[in-house]
Amino acid sequence: MKKVTLALMLAGAASLVMAADGAALFKKCAGCHGAKGEKKALGKSAVIGGMDVATLVNDIKEYKAGKRNAHGMGMMMKSQVQSLSDADIQALAEYIHGLK
């Protein structure tokens, strides 16, 4: 019984370590969108800080799939988000939503 409990505790700790970190992921975005998501990227995009989580998730997934080209930024954004997992996208969207 102790071995099972220990295994479950270790598995839980491992999942916490592997959980996506929205703040760390956003560092890649801040160069264009600003530290608080307050800038229009390259003077073209919407201000993303504080945006709705569902909208952000949808937009990022559409950029990743090559289905979105808002303000002519589709290819650039696709290359920026291509490596993000669904968990990364969710964590990033939640972080951006919290920026104000």
C-alpha atoms as a PDB file:
ATOM      1  CA  MET A   1       0.000   0.000   0.000  1.00  0.00           C
ATOM      2  CA  LYS A   2       2.837   2.391   0.823  1.00  0.00           C
ATOM      3  CA  LYS A   3       4.411   1.723  -2.585  1.00  0.00           C
ATOM      4  CA  VAL A   4       1.167   2.561  -4.372  1.00  0.00           C
ATOM      5  CA  THR A   5       0.764   5.788  -2.408  1.00  0.00           C
ATOM      6  CA  LEU A   6       4.359   6.781  -3.096  1.00  0.00           C
ATOM      7  CA  ALA A   7       3.957   6.021  -6.807  1.00  0.00           C
ATOM      8  CA  LEU A   8       0.825   8.177  -6.994  1.00  0.00           C
ATOM      9  CA  MET A   9       2.559  11.024  -5.184  1.00  0.00           C
ATOM     10  CA  LEU A  10       5.532  10.868  -7.547  1.00  0.00           C
ATOM     11  CA  ALA A  11       3.259  10.777 -10.590  1.00  0.00           C
ATOM     12  CA  GLY A  12       1.412  13.835  -9.306  1.00  0.00           C
ATOM     13  CA  ALA A  13       4.657  15.707  -8.693  1.00  0.00           C
ATOM     14  CA  ALA A  14       5.909  14.811 -12.180  1.00  0.00           C
ATOM     15  CA  SER A  15       2.745  16.147 -13.799  1.00  0.00           C
ATOM     16  CA  LEU A  16       3.132  19.432 -11.915  1.00  0.00           C
ATOM     17  CA  VAL A  17       6.697  19.789 -13.132  1.00  0.00           C
ATOM     18  CA  MET A  18       5.608  19.079 -16.700  1.00  0.00           C
ATOM     19  CA  ALA A  19       2.613  21.435 -16.576  1.00  0.00           C
ATOM     20  CA  ALA A  20       2.771  24.244 -19.107  1.00  0.00           C
ATOM     21  CA  ASP A  21       3.982  27.578 -17.751  1.00  0.00           C
ATOM     22  CA  GLY A  22       2.098  30.412 -19.416  1.00  0.00           C
ATOM     23  CA  ALA A  23       4.498  33.086 -18.161  1.00  0.00           C
ATOM     24  CA  ALA A  24       7.506  31.243 -19.580  1.00  0.00           C
ATOM     25  CA  LEU A  25       5.724  30.641 -22.880  1.00  0.00           C
ATOM     26  CA  PHE A  26       4.721  34.313 -23.142  1.00  0.00           C
ATOM     27  CA  LYS A  27       8.342  35.478 -23.086  1.00  0.00           C
ATOM     28  CA  LYS A  28       8.513  34.516 -26.768  1.00  0.00           C
ATOM     29  CA  CYS A  29       5.425  36.666 -27.464  1.00  0.00           C
ATOM     30  CA  ALA A  30       6.434  39.735 -25.481  1.00  0.00           C
ATOM     31  CA  GLY A  31       8.907  41.002 -28.071  1.00  0.00           C
ATOM     32  CA  CYS A  32       6.058  41.899 -30.419  1.00  0.00           C
ATOM     33  CA  HIS A  33       3.021  42.037 -28.115  1.00  0.00           C
ATOM     34  CA  GLY A  34       4.656  43.836 -25.167  1.00  0.00           C
ATOM     35  CA  ALA A  35       5.351  42.650 -21.626  1.00  0.00           C
ATOM     36  CA  LYS A  36       1.673  42.974 -20.706  1.00  0.00           C
ATOM     37  CA  GLY A  37       0.224  42.198 -24.136  1.00  0.00           C
ATOM     38  CA  GLU A  38      -0.443  45.923 -24.452  1.00  0.00           C
ATOM     39  CA  LYS A  39       1.033  46.488 -27.921  1.00  0.00           C
ATOM     40  CA  LYS A  40      -0.335  45.945 -31.381  1.00  0.00           C
ATOM     41  CA  ALA A  41       2.267  43.500 -32.722  1.00  0.00           C
ATOM     42  CA  LEU A  42       4.181  45.194 -35.533  1.00  0.00           C
ATOM     43  CA  GLY A  43       1.529  47.910 -35.352  1.00  0.00           C
ATOM     44  CA  LYS A  44      -1.028  45.537 -36.881  1.00  0.00           C
ATOM     45  CA  SER A  45      -2.581  43.106 -34.407  1.00  0.00           C
ATOM     46  CA  ALA A  46      -5.186  43.565 -31.738  1.00  0.00           C
ATOM     47  CA  VAL A  47      -3.998  44.235 -28.193  1.00  0.00           C
ATOM     48  CA  ILE A  48      -4.085  40.753 -26.654  1.00  0.00           C
ATOM     49  CA  GLY A  49      -3.601  41.471 -22.934  1.00  0.00           C
ATOM     50  CA  GLY A  50      -6.799  40.589 -21.079  1.00  0.00           C
ATOM     51  CA  MET A  51      -8.481  38.914 -24.067  1.00  0.00           C
ATOM     52  CA  ASP A  52     -11.002  36.146 -23.467  1.00  0.00           C
ATOM     53  CA  VAL A  53      -9.369  32.722 -22.916  1.00  0.00           C
ATOM     54  CA  ALA A  54     -11.629  30.908 -25.394  1.00  0.00           C
ATOM     55  CA  THR A  55     -10.907  33.479 -28.106  1.00  0.00           C
ATOM     56  CA  LEU A  56      -7.173  33.241 -27.505  1.00  0.00           C
ATOM     57  CA  VAL A  57      -7.211  29.435 -27.577  1.00  0.00           C
ATOM     58  CA  ASN A  58      -9.224  29.441 -30.801  1.00  0.00           C
ATOM     59  CA  ASP A  59      -7.042  32.064 -32.488  1.00  0.00           C
ATOM     60  CA  ILE A  60      -3.774  30.350 -31.526  1.00  0.00           C
ATOM     61  CA  LYS A  61      -5.047  26.965 -32.716  1.00  0.00           C
ATOM     62  CA  GLU A  62      -6.174  28.503 -36.003  1.00  0.00           C
ATOM     63  CA  TYR A  63      -2.762  30.138 -36.499  1.00  0.00           C
ATOM     64  CA  LYS A  64      -1.097  26.790 -35.725  1.00  0.00           C
ATOM     65  CA  ALA A  65      -3.292  25.012 -38.295  1.00  0.00           C
ATOM     66  CA  GLY A  66      -2.597  27.705 -40.911  1.00  0.00           C
ATOM     67  CA  LYS A  67      -6.279  28.696 -41.009  1.00  0.00           C
ATOM     68  CA  ARG A  68      -5.900  32.229 -39.647  1.00  0.00           C
ATOM     69  CA  ASN A  69      -4.242  35.183 -41.354  1.00  0.00           C
ATOM     70  CA  ALA A  70      -5.406  38.184 -39.331  1.00  0.00           C
ATOM     71  CA  HIS A  71      -3.656  41.380 -40.412  1.00  0.00           C
ATOM     72  CA  GLY A  72      -1.496  39.349 -42.807  1.00  0.00           C
ATOM     73  CA  MET A  73       0.338  37.763 -39.880  1.00  0.00           C
ATOM     74  CA  GLY A  74      -0.695  34.145 -40.504  1.00  0.00           C
ATOM     75  CA  MET A  75       2.635  32.707 -41.618  1.00  0.00           C
ATOM     76  CA  MET A  76       4.629  34.523 -38.963  1.00  0.00           C
ATOM     77  CA  MET A  77       2.244  33.479 -36.200  1.00  0.00           C
ATOM     78  CA  LYS A  78       2.095  29.906 -37.467  1.00  0.00           C
ATOM     79  CA  SER A  79       5.858  29.622 -37.114  1.00  0.00           C
ATOM     80  CA  GLN A  80       5.683  31.125 -33.626  1.00  0.00           C
ATOM     81  CA  VAL A  81       3.017  28.738 -32.289  1.00  0.00           C
ATOM     82  CA  GLN A  82       3.800  25.580 -34.269  1.00  0.00           C
ATOM     83  CA  SER A  83       5.573  23.825 -31.379  1.00  0.00           C
ATOM     84  CA  LEU A  84       2.855  24.532 -28.787  1.00  0.00           C
ATOM     85  CA  SER A  85       0.846  21.618 -27.423  1.00  0.00           C
ATOM     86  CA  ASP A  86      -2.821  21.992 -26.516  1.00  0.00           C
ATOM     87  CA  ALA A  87      -1.771  22.276 -22.850  1.00  0.00           C
ATOM     88  CA  ASP A  88       0.738  24.998 -23.777  1.00  0.00           C
ATOM     89  CA  ILE A  89      -1.928  26.895 -25.712  1.00  0.00           C
ATOM     90  CA  GLN A  90      -4.348  26.713 -22.789  1.00  0.00           C
ATOM     91  CA  ALA A  91      -1.708  27.868 -20.283  1.00  0.00           C
ATOM     92  CA  LEU A  92      -0.607  30.676 -22.587  1.00  0.00           C
ATOM     93  CA  ALA A  93      -4.191  31.833 -23.160  1.00  0.00           C
ATOM     94  CA  GLU A  94      -4.904  31.854 -19.426  1.00  0.00           C
ATOM     95  CA  TYR A  95      -1.737  33.848 -18.768  1.00  0.00           C
ATOM     96  CA  ILE A  96      -2.518  36.398 -21.487  1.00  0.00           C
ATOM     97  CA  HIS A  97      -6.079  36.736 -20.190  1.00  0.00           C
ATOM     98  CA  GLY A  98      -4.649  37.708 -16.797  1.00  0.00           C
ATOM     99  CA  LEU A  99      -2.510  40.500 -18.257  1.00  0.00           C
ATOM    100  CA  LYS A 100      -4.008  43.935 -17.830  1.00  0.00           C
END
